[in-house]
C-alpha atoms as a PDB file:
ATOM      1  CA  PRO A   1       2.068  67.935  64.737  1.00  0.00           C
ATOM      2  CA  LEU A   2       0.605  64.927  66.672  1.00  0.00           C
ATOM      3  CA  LEU A   3      -0.911  65.375  69.927  1.00  0.00           C
ATOM      4  CA  VAL A   4      -1.411  62.631  72.641  1.00  0.00           C
ATOM      5  CA  SER A   5      -2.673  62.619  76.189  1.00  0.00           C
ATOM      6  CA  VAL A   6      -1.121  59.925  78.479  1.00  0.00           C
ATOM      7  CA  ASP A   7      -3.004  61.433  81.468  1.00  0.00           C
ATOM      8  CA  VAL A   8      -4.860  58.411  82.344  1.00  0.00           C
ATOM      9  CA  TYR A   9      -5.667  59.387  85.972  1.00  0.00           C
ATOM     10  CA  ARG A  10      -7.776  62.480  85.626  1.00  0.00           C
ATOM     11  CA  PRO A  11     -11.302  61.939  84.537  1.00  0.00           C
ATOM     12  CA  ALA A  12     -12.088  63.499  81.094  1.00  0.00           C
ATOM     13  CA  ALA A  13      -8.351  64.806  80.748  1.00  0.00           C
ATOM     14  CA  ARG A  14      -8.195  63.002  77.152  1.00  0.00           C
ATOM     15  CA  GLU A  15     -11.534  63.884  76.097  1.00  0.00           C
ATOM     16  CA  GLN A  16     -10.479  67.535  76.881  1.00  0.00           C
ATOM     17  CA  LEU A  17      -7.357  67.321  74.861  1.00  0.00           C
ATOM     18  CA  ARG A  18      -9.410  65.781  71.986  1.00  0.00           C
ATOM     19  CA  VAL A  19     -11.893  68.737  71.964  1.00  0.00           C
ATOM     20  CA  VAL A  20      -9.022  71.075  71.691  1.00  0.00           C
ATOM     21  CA  ALA A  21      -7.362  69.080  68.819  1.00  0.00           C
ATOM     22  CA  GLN A  22     -10.570  69.139  67.037  1.00  0.00           C
ATOM     23  CA  ALA A  23     -10.874  72.992  67.579  1.00  0.00           C
ATOM     24  CA  ILE A  24      -7.343  73.687  66.225  1.00  0.00           C
ATOM     25  CA  LYS A  25      -7.645  71.062  63.433  1.00  0.00           C
ATOM     26  CA  ALA A  26      -4.587  69.135  64.828  1.00  0.00           C
ATOM     27  CA  ASN A  27      -3.980  65.457  64.648  1.00  0.00           C
ATOM     28  CA  ILE A  28      -4.539  63.478  67.836  1.00  0.00           C
ATOM     29  CA  TYR A  29      -3.742  59.754  68.731  1.00  0.00           C
ATOM     30  CA  GLU A  30      -6.203  58.441  71.500  1.00  0.00           C
ATOM     31  CA  GLY A  31      -5.317  54.858  71.763  1.00  0.00           C
ATOM     32  CA  GLU A  32      -7.072  52.573  74.262  1.00  0.00           C
ATOM     33  CA  VAL A  33      -7.029  52.679  78.024  1.00  0.00           C
ATOM     34  CA  THR A  34      -7.830  49.808  80.118  1.00  0.00           C
ATOM     35  CA  GLU A  35      -5.893  50.713  83.246  1.00  0.00           C
ATOM     36  CA  SER A  36      -4.514  53.917  84.723  1.00  0.00           C
ATOM     37  CA  ASN A  37      -0.904  52.990  85.535  1.00  0.00           C
ATOM     38  CA  THR A  38       2.427  53.638  84.393  1.00  0.00           C
ATOM     39  CA  ALA A  39       2.560  50.734  81.823  1.00  0.00           C
ATOM     40  CA  THR A  40      -0.438  52.258  80.122  1.00  0.00           C
ATOM     41  CA  VAL A  41       1.308  55.724  79.971  1.00  0.00           C
ATOM     42  CA  GLU A  42       4.189  54.279  78.326  1.00  0.00           C
ATOM     43  CA  ARG A  43       2.410  52.101  76.024  1.00  0.00           C
ATOM     44  CA  LEU A  44       0.258  55.176  74.772  1.00  0.00           C
ATOM     45  CA  ALA A  45       3.503  57.361  74.308  1.00  0.00           C
ATOM     46  CA  LYS A  46       5.249  54.435  72.204  1.00  0.00           C
ATOM     47  CA  GLU A  47       2.207  54.117  70.216  1.00  0.00           C
ATOM     48  CA  ALA A  48       1.728  57.514  69.568  1.00  0.00           C
ATOM     49  CA  ARG A  49       5.407  57.878  68.399  1.00  0.00           C
ATOM     50  CA  ARG A  50       4.935  55.122  65.906  1.00  0.00           C
ATOM     51  CA  GLU A  51       1.856  56.805  64.614  1.00  0.00           C
ATOM     52  CA  ALA A  52       3.636  60.067  64.075  1.00  0.00           C
ATOM     53  CA  ILE A  53       6.306  58.458  62.090  1.00  0.00           C
ATOM     54  CA  ASN A  54       3.737  56.491  59.915  1.00  0.00           C
ATOM     55  CA  SER A  55       1.693  59.287  59.383  1.00  0.00           C
ATOM     56  CA  GLY A  56       4.663  61.641  58.566  1.00  0.00           C
ATOM     57  CA  CYS A  57       4.421  64.250  61.470  1.00  0.00           C
ATOM     58  CA  ASP A  58       7.625  65.860  62.311  1.00  0.00           C
ATOM     59  CA  VAL A  59       6.643  66.806  65.878  1.00  0.00           C
ATOM     60  CA  LEU A  60       4.809  64.785  68.731  1.00  0.00           C
ATOM     61  CA  ILE A  61       3.449  66.668  71.767  1.00  0.00           C
ATOM     62  CA  VAL A  62       2.829  64.469  74.769  1.00  0.00           C
ATOM     63  CA  ASP A  63       0.354  65.862  77.370  1.00  0.00           C
ATOM     64  CA  THR A  64       1.186  64.277  80.700  1.00  0.00           C
ATOM     65  CA  ALA A  65      -0.911  64.286  83.887  1.00  0.00           C
ATOM     66  CA  GLY A  66      -0.424  67.193  86.434  1.00  0.00           C
ATOM     67  CA  ARG A  67       1.483  66.080  89.588  1.00  0.00           C
ATOM     68  CA  LEU A  68       3.083  67.493  92.661  1.00  0.00           C
ATOM     69  CA  HIS A  69       7.003  67.229  92.819  1.00  0.00           C
ATOM     70  CA  ILE A  70       6.479  65.323  96.198  1.00  0.00           C
ATOM     71  CA  ASP A  71       4.872  62.527  94.683  1.00  0.00           C
ATOM     72  CA  GLU A  72       7.583  60.133  94.280  1.00  0.00           C
ATOM     73  CA  GLN A  73       5.603  57.531  92.157  1.00  0.00           C
ATOM     74  CA  LEU A  74       4.464  59.909  89.533  1.00  0.00           C
ATOM     75  CA  MET A  75       8.028  61.570  89.291  1.00  0.00           C
ATOM     76  CA  ASP A  76       9.138  58.311  88.514  1.00  0.00           C
ATOM     77  CA  GLU A  77       6.980  57.753  85.950  1.00  0.00           C
ATOM     78  CA  MET A  78       7.961  60.950  84.437  1.00  0.00           C
ATOM     79  CA  GLN A  79      11.463  60.083  84.540  1.00  0.00           C
ATOM     80  CA  SER A  80      10.724  56.607  82.858  1.00  0.00           C
ATOM     81  CA  LEU A  81       8.694  58.488  80.350  1.00  0.00           C
ATOM     82  CA  LYS A  82      11.654  60.724  79.416  1.00  0.00           C
ATOM     83  CA  ARG A  83      14.010  57.799  78.925  1.00  0.00           C
ATOM     84  CA  LEU A  84      11.577  56.184  76.773  1.00  0.00           C
ATOM     85  CA  MET A  85      10.942  59.074  74.575  1.00  0.00           C
ATOM     86  CA  ASN A  86      14.026  60.883  74.819  1.00  0.00           C
ATOM     87  CA  PRO A  87      12.285  64.338  74.058  1.00  0.00           C
ATOM     88  CA  GLN A  88      13.785  67.503  72.595  1.00  0.00           C
ATOM     89  CA  GLU A  89      11.815  69.665  74.655  1.00  0.00           C
ATOM     90  CA  ILE A  90      10.330  69.180  78.320  1.00  0.00           C
ATOM     91  CA  LEU A  91       8.077  72.137  79.058  1.00  0.00           C
ATOM     92  CA  PHE A  92       7.000  72.641  82.718  1.00  0.00           C
ATOM     93  CA  VAL A  93       3.623  74.360  82.834  1.00  0.00           C
ATOM     94  CA  ALA A  94       3.316  76.492  86.032  1.00  0.00           C
ATOM     95  CA  ASP A  95       0.432  78.613  87.400  1.00  0.00           C
ATOM     96  CA  ALA A  96       1.434  82.151  88.012  1.00  0.00           C
ATOM     97  CA  MET A  97      -1.399  82.489  90.721  1.00  0.00           C
ATOM     98  CA  THR A  98       0.726  80.112  92.886  1.00  0.00           C
ATOM     99  CA  GLY A  99       3.448  82.415  93.137  1.00  0.00           C
ATOM    100  CA  GLN A 100       6.376  80.730  95.136  1.00  0.00           C
ATOM    101  CA  ASP A 101       5.069  77.463  95.125  1.00  0.00           C
ATOM    102  CA  ALA A 102       5.290  77.312  91.375  1.00  0.00           C
ATOM    103  CA  VAL A 103       8.964  78.099  91.805  1.00  0.00           C
ATOM    104  CA  ARG A 104       9.693  75.296  94.276  1.00  0.00           C
ATOM    105  CA  SER A 105       8.002  72.926  91.974  1.00  0.00           C
ATOM    106  CA  ALA A 106       9.847  74.099  89.040  1.00  0.00           C
ATOM    107  CA  ASP A 107      13.157  73.768  90.795  1.00  0.00           C
ATOM    108  CA  GLU A 108      12.342  70.046  91.796  1.00  0.00           C
ATOM    109  CA  PHE A 109      11.092  69.174  88.323  1.00  0.00           C
ATOM    110  CA  HIS A 110      14.115  70.823  86.959  1.00  0.00           C
ATOM    111  CA  LYS A 111      16.497  68.619  89.166  1.00  0.00           C
ATOM    112  CA  LYS A 112      14.689  65.365  88.077  1.00  0.00           C
ATOM    113  CA  LEU A 113      13.935  65.920  84.563  1.00  0.00           C
ATOM    114  CA  SER A 114      16.319  68.830  83.212  1.00  0.00           C
ATOM    115  CA  LEU A 115      13.430  70.889  82.082  1.00  0.00           C
ATOM    116  CA  THR A 116      14.050  73.059  78.596  1.00  0.00           C
ATOM    117  CA  GLY A 117      11.362  75.624  79.110  1.00  0.00           C
ATOM    118  CA  VAL A 118       8.375  76.946  81.207  1.00  0.00           C
ATOM    119  CA  VAL A 119       5.001  77.730  80.154  1.00  0.00           C
ATOM    120  CA  LEU A 120       3.332  80.288  82.725  1.00  0.00           C
ATOM    121  CA  THR A 121      -0.379  80.300  82.810  1.00  0.00           C
ATOM    122  CA  LYS A 122      -3.206  82.526  84.149  1.00  0.00           C
ATOM    123  CA  MET A 123      -1.385  85.557  83.517  1.00  0.00           C
ATOM    124  CA  ASP A 124      -4.756  87.258  82.691  1.00  0.00           C
ATOM    125  CA  GLY A 125      -5.561  86.960  86.379  1.00  0.00           C
ATOM    126  CA  ASP A 126      -4.151  89.154  89.288  1.00  0.00           C
ATOM    127  CA  ALA A 127      -0.755  87.716  89.110  1.00  0.00           C
ATOM    128  CA  ARG A 128       1.680  90.278  87.315  1.00  0.00           C
ATOM    129  CA  GLY A 129       4.175  87.294  86.669  1.00  0.00           C
ATOM    130  CA  GLY A 130       6.853  87.876  89.581  1.00  0.00           C
ATOM    131  CA  ALA A 131       7.165  83.998  89.541  1.00  0.00           C
ATOM    132  CA  ALA A 132       8.610  84.120  85.993  1.00  0.00           C
ATOM    133  CA  LEU A 133      11.724  85.929  87.255  1.00  0.00           C
ATOM    134  CA  SER A 134      12.142  83.359  90.256  1.00  0.00           C
ATOM    135  CA  ILE A 135      11.556  80.338  87.820  1.00  0.00           C
ATOM    136  CA  ARG A 136      13.971  81.608  85.330  1.00  0.00           C
ATOM    137  CA  HIS A 137      16.522  82.217  88.038  1.00  0.00           C
ATOM    138  CA  VAL A 138      16.237  78.786  89.890  1.00  0.00           C
ATOM    139  CA  THR A 139      15.956  76.687  86.641  1.00  0.00           C
ATOM    140  CA  GLY A 140      18.236  78.684  84.205  1.00  0.00           C
ATOM    141  CA  GLN A 141      15.599  77.802  81.647  1.00  0.00           C
ATOM    142  CA  PRO A 142      13.529  80.128  79.598  1.00  0.00           C
ATOM    143  CA  ILE A 143      10.047  81.094  79.853  1.00  0.00           C
ATOM    144  CA  LYS A 144       8.723  80.251  76.581  1.00  0.00           C
ATOM    145  CA  PHE A 145       4.960  80.864  76.538  1.00  0.00           C
ATOM    146  CA  LEU A 146       2.364  82.611  78.502  1.00  0.00           C
ATOM    147  CA  GLY A 147      -1.180  81.602  79.039  1.00  0.00           C
ATOM    148  CA  ILE A 148      -3.671  84.313  79.127  1.00  0.00           C
ATOM    149  CA  GLY A 149      -7.009  82.760  78.935  1.00  0.00           C
ATOM    150  CA  GLU A 150      -8.855  79.497  78.898  1.00  0.00           C
ATOM    151  CA  LYS A 151      -9.387  79.346  75.181  1.00  0.00           C
ATOM    152  CA  TYR A 152      -6.877  77.223  72.896  1.00  0.00           C
ATOM    153  CA  ASP A 153      -5.749  80.415  71.239  1.00  0.00           C
ATOM    154  CA  ALA A 154      -5.005  82.197  74.631  1.00  0.00           C
ATOM    155  CA  LEU A 155      -1.210  81.430  74.361  1.00  0.00           C
ATOM    156  CA  GLU A 156       1.392  84.042  73.462  1.00  0.00           C
ATOM    157  CA  PRO A 157       5.198  84.069  73.260  1.00  0.00           C
ATOM    158  CA  PHE A 158       6.992  85.402  76.242  1.00  0.00           C
ATOM    159  CA  HIS A 159       8.711  88.593  76.043  1.00  0.00           C
ATOM    160  CA  PRO A 160      10.947  89.554  79.021  1.00  0.00           C
ATOM    161  CA  ASP A 161      10.892  93.261  78.673  1.00  0.00           C
ATOM    162  CA  ARG A 162       6.997  93.288  78.359  1.00  0.00           C
ATOM    163  CA  ILE A 163       6.556  91.123  81.563  1.00  0.00           C
ATOM    164  CA  VAL A 164       8.941  93.383  83.554  1.00  0.00           C
ATOM    165  CA  SER A 165       6.747  96.243  82.385  1.00  0.00           C
ATOM    166  CA  ARG A 166       3.728  94.490  83.763  1.00  0.00           C
ATOM    167  CA  ILE A 167       5.518  93.967  87.059  1.00  0.00           C
ATOM    168  CA  LEU A 168       6.394  97.458  87.432  1.00  0.00           C
ATOM    169  CA  GLY A 169       2.685  98.640  86.466  1.00  0.00           C
ATOM    170  CA  MET A 170       3.590 100.064  83.352  1.00  0.00           C
ATOM    171  CA  GLY A 171       1.450  97.885  81.379  1.00  0.00           C
ATOM    172  CA  ASP A 172       2.311  95.881  78.079  1.00  0.00           C
ATOM    173  CA  ILE A 173       1.128  98.159  75.257  1.00  0.00           C
ATOM    174  CA  LEU A 174       3.129  96.201  72.670  1.00  0.00           C
ATOM    175  CA  SER A 175       1.094  92.989  73.313  1.00  0.00           C
ATOM    176  CA  LEU A 176      -2.105  94.987  73.217  1.00  0.00           C
ATOM    177  CA  ILE A 177      -1.253  96.491  69.716  1.00  0.00           C
ATOM    178  CA  GLU A 178      -0.430  93.095  68.429  1.00  0.00           C
ATOM    179  CA  LYS A 179      -3.715  91.851  69.723  1.00  0.00           C
ATOM    180  CA  ALA A 180      -5.664  94.734  67.939  1.00  0.00           C
ATOM    181  CA  GLU A 181      -3.800  93.967  64.638  1.00  0.00           C
ATOM    182  CA  GLN A 182      -4.441  90.336  64.665  1.00  0.00           C
ATOM    183  CA  HIS A 183      -8.252  90.720  65.672  1.00  0.00           C
ATOM    184  CA  VAL A 184      -9.502  94.186  64.647  1.00  0.00           C
ATOM    185  CA  ASP A 185     -10.990  94.305  61.280  1.00  0.00           C
ATOM    186  CA  LYS A 186      -8.881  97.314  59.757  1.00  0.00           C
ATOM    187  CA  LYS A 187     -11.451  98.055  57.119  1.00  0.00           C
ATOM    188  CA  LYS A 188     -14.288  98.158  59.464  1.00  0.00           C
ATOM    189  CA  ALA A 189     -12.544 100.350  61.808  1.00  0.00           C
ATOM    190  CA  GLN A 190     -11.491 102.896  59.112  1.00  0.00           C
ATOM    191  CA  GLU A 191     -14.960 103.025  57.885  1.00  0.00           C
ATOM    192  CA  ILE A 192     -16.119 103.907  61.393  1.00  0.00           C
ATOM    193  CA  ALA A 193     -13.493 106.519  61.734  1.00  0.00           C
ATOM    194  CA  THR A 194     -14.172 107.961  58.275  1.00  0.00           C
ATOM    195  CA  LYS A 195     -17.891 107.992  59.148  1.00  0.00           C
ATOM    196  CA  ALA A 196     -17.222 109.861  62.451  1.00  0.00           C
ATOM    197  CA  LEU A 197     -14.777 112.366  61.215  1.00  0.00           C
ATOM    198  CA  ALA A 198     -17.456 113.260  58.450  1.00  0.00           C
ATOM    199  CA  GLY A 199     -19.719 114.094  61.314  1.00  0.00           C
ATOM    200  CA  ASP A 200     -22.228 111.295  60.373  1.00  0.00           C
ATOM    201  CA  GLY A 201     -22.538 110.185  64.036  1.00  0.00           C
ATOM    202  CA  PHE A 202     -21.881 106.840  65.756  1.00  0.00           C
ATOM    203  CA  SER A 203     -24.612 104.492  65.597  1.00  0.00           C
ATOM    204  CA  LEU A 204     -25.611 101.489  67.682  1.00  0.00           C
ATOM    205  CA  GLU A 205     -24.715  99.204  64.924  1.00  0.00           C
ATOM    206  CA  ASP A 206     -21.253 100.808  65.068  1.00  0.00           C
ATOM    207  CA  PHE A 207     -21.199 100.266  68.622  1.00  0.00           C
ATOM    208  CA  ARG A 208     -22.096  96.627  68.498  1.00  0.00           C
ATOM    209  CA  ASP A 209     -19.582  95.998  65.759  1.00  0.00           C
ATOM    210  CA  GLN A 210     -16.812  97.508  67.955  1.00  0.00           C
ATOM    211  CA  LEU A 211     -17.956  95.448  71.106  1.00  0.00           C
ATOM    212  CA  ARG A 212     -17.548  92.258  68.851  1.00  0.00           C
ATOM    213  CA  GLN A 213     -14.096  93.167  67.817  1.00  0.00           C
ATOM    214  CA  VAL A 214     -13.053  93.951  71.463  1.00  0.00           C
ATOM    215  CA  LYS A 215     -14.454  90.481  72.280  1.00  0.00           C
ATOM    216  CA  LYS A 216     -12.303  88.815  69.739  1.00  0.00           C
ATOM    217  CA  MET A 217      -9.291  90.369  71.635  1.00  0.00           C
ATOM    218  CA  GLY A 218      -9.920  88.390  74.902  1.00  0.00           C
ATOM    219  CA  SER A 219     -11.585  89.240  78.218  1.00  0.00           C
ATOM    220  CA  LEU A 220     -11.858  92.990  79.331  1.00  0.00           C
ATOM    221  CA  GLN A 221      -9.730  91.815  82.635  1.00  0.00           C
ATOM    222  CA  SER A 222      -7.024  90.705  80.363  1.00  0.00           C
ATOM    223  CA  LEU A 223      -7.003  93.717  78.080  1.00  0.00           C
ATOM    224  CA  MET A 224      -7.099  96.344  81.076  1.00  0.00           C
ATOM    225  CA  GLY A 225      -4.348  94.267  82.374  1.00  0.00           C
ATOM    226  CA  MET A 226      -1.942  95.378  79.613  1.00  0.00           C
ATOM    227  CA  LEU A 227      -2.615  98.934  80.420  1.00  0.00           C
ATOM    228  CA  PRO A 228      -0.449 100.945  82.914  1.00  0.00           C
ATOM    229  CA  SER A 229      -1.814 100.718  86.444  1.00  0.00           C
ATOM    230  CA  ILE A 230      -0.143 103.944  87.491  1.00  0.00           C
ATOM    231  CA  GLY A 231      -1.102 107.682  87.012  1.00  0.00           C
ATOM    232  CA  PRO A 232      -4.347 108.422  85.493  1.00  0.00           C
ATOM    233  CA  PHE A 233      -4.784 104.746  84.643  1.00  0.00           C
ATOM    234  CA  SER A 234      -4.613 103.732  88.407  1.00  0.00           C
ATOM    235  CA  GLY A 235      -8.422 102.959  88.675  1.00  0.00           C
ATOM    236  CA  LEU A 236      -8.651 100.866  85.632  1.00  0.00           C
ATOM    237  CA  GLN A 237      -7.543  97.458  86.998  1.00  0.00           C
ATOM    238  CA  LYS A 238     -10.251  97.703  89.771  1.00  0.00           C
ATOM    239  CA  ALA A 239     -12.751  98.893  87.386  1.00  0.00           C
ATOM    240  CA  ALA A 240     -12.143  95.861  85.124  1.00  0.00           C
ATOM    241  CA  ASP A 241     -12.680  93.338  87.991  1.00  0.00           C
ATOM    242  CA  ARG A 242     -16.178  94.677  88.395  1.00  0.00           C
ATOM    243  CA  VAL A 243     -17.287  94.463  84.783  1.00  0.00           C
ATOM    244  CA  ASP A 244     -19.638  91.375  84.094  1.00  0.00           C
ATOM    245  CA  GLU A 245     -18.419  90.109  80.614  1.00  0.00           C
ATOM    246  CA  LYS A 246     -22.140  88.661  80.153  1.00  0.00           C
ATOM    247  CA  GLN A 247     -23.428  92.392  80.265  1.00  0.00           C
ATOM    248  CA  ILE A 248     -21.482  92.919  76.842  1.00  0.00           C
ATOM    249  CA  ASN A 249     -23.607  89.943  75.346  1.00  0.00           C
ATOM    250  CA  ARG A 250     -26.761  91.271  76.790  1.00  0.00           C
ATOM    251  CA  VAL A 251     -26.161  94.681  75.067  1.00  0.00           C
ATOM    252  CA  GLU A 252     -25.481  92.991  71.931  1.00  0.00           C
ATOM    253  CA  ALA A 253     -28.544  91.003  72.167  1.00  0.00           C
ATOM    254  CA  ILE A 254     -30.518  94.148  72.772  1.00  0.00           C
ATOM    255  CA  ILE A 255     -29.110  96.041  69.889  1.00  0.00           C
ATOM    256  CA  ASN A 256     -29.726  92.954  67.673  1.00  0.00           C
ATOM    257  CA  SER A 257     -33.383  92.750  68.901  1.00  0.00           C
ATOM    258  CA  MET A 258     -33.715  96.487  67.430  1.00  0.00           C
ATOM    259  CA  THR A 259     -35.125  97.342  63.924  1.00  0.00           C
ATOM    260  CA  GLN A 260     -32.762  98.740  61.455  1.00  0.00           C
ATOM    261  CA  HIS A 261     -34.264 102.120  61.888  1.00  0.00           C
ATOM    262  CA  GLU A 262     -33.880 101.899  65.772  1.00  0.00           C
ATOM    263  CA  ARG A 263     -30.134 101.018  65.272  1.00  0.00           C
ATOM    264  CA  LEU A 264     -29.366 104.108  63.172  1.00  0.00           C
END
C-alpha cells in the first residue's frame, strides 16, 4: 500500500504518519505543502494517486484531518475529496471514550459521506465499547477495527461477539489467547514450565524473561481489560489502574544489574 497524509492543518500531522510508515516499512507519498487549504489537500491526493499507479501500489490510504461534523467548511472539503478520489472505502475513526458524541458524529458523517465502516479507538481505556453498538445501529455500517493502544501494531479486527462479552463484564479471553500466541515465545515458555515441573525452581532470569513477553502483548491495563470483571476477577480492573508500567522497566533494570549468580 501507499500512504499519504492530506492533513495540512495540524502541526506535525504529516510527520507523524511518516514516522509510522517508516516503522511498518510502508511506502508514503509526502509531496510539497505551501498552503493549508482545500486546494492543497486535493492536489496532494491526486499526486498520491498518480504515484500509487506509477509505482504499482494497488492500495492507497488517504489520512485526512480530524474534524467536527458541525464544521461546514471542512465537511465540504471531505465531500469534494470523495468526488475527486471515488474511494472504495471511507472509514470513520471514532473515539470510544466520547460515548454518544461519537455516535452523533458518525451519524452526521454517514449522511454526508456514506461511510463504509468504522474504526473504534481507545478501547484499551475505561470504555467497554457500548458506542460500537450505537454507531453500528445509526450508520448501518460495520465496525471493522479496534484501536487498543498508541503503537502502530495496536489495531485488531473487530469481533462482535467479543465486544459484547466485554460490555457484559465477561472479558475477551479469545483475544487474550490470540495475543499470547502472537507474542509469547512458545519454546521459552515450555523450557520454563519444564524446569518448574522438574523442581529446578524459578529464577530471576525466568521472571525477567516472562516480564518481557508480557510487555510485548501490550499494557497491563489492556490485558486486564480482556479478563472478566465479575466474580473472583472483579477487583483486577481497579488493580490494573493502579499499576505503574514504569515499575516493570525498573524491575527489569534491577535484574539486569545483578550478576549471573545473583539471578539464579
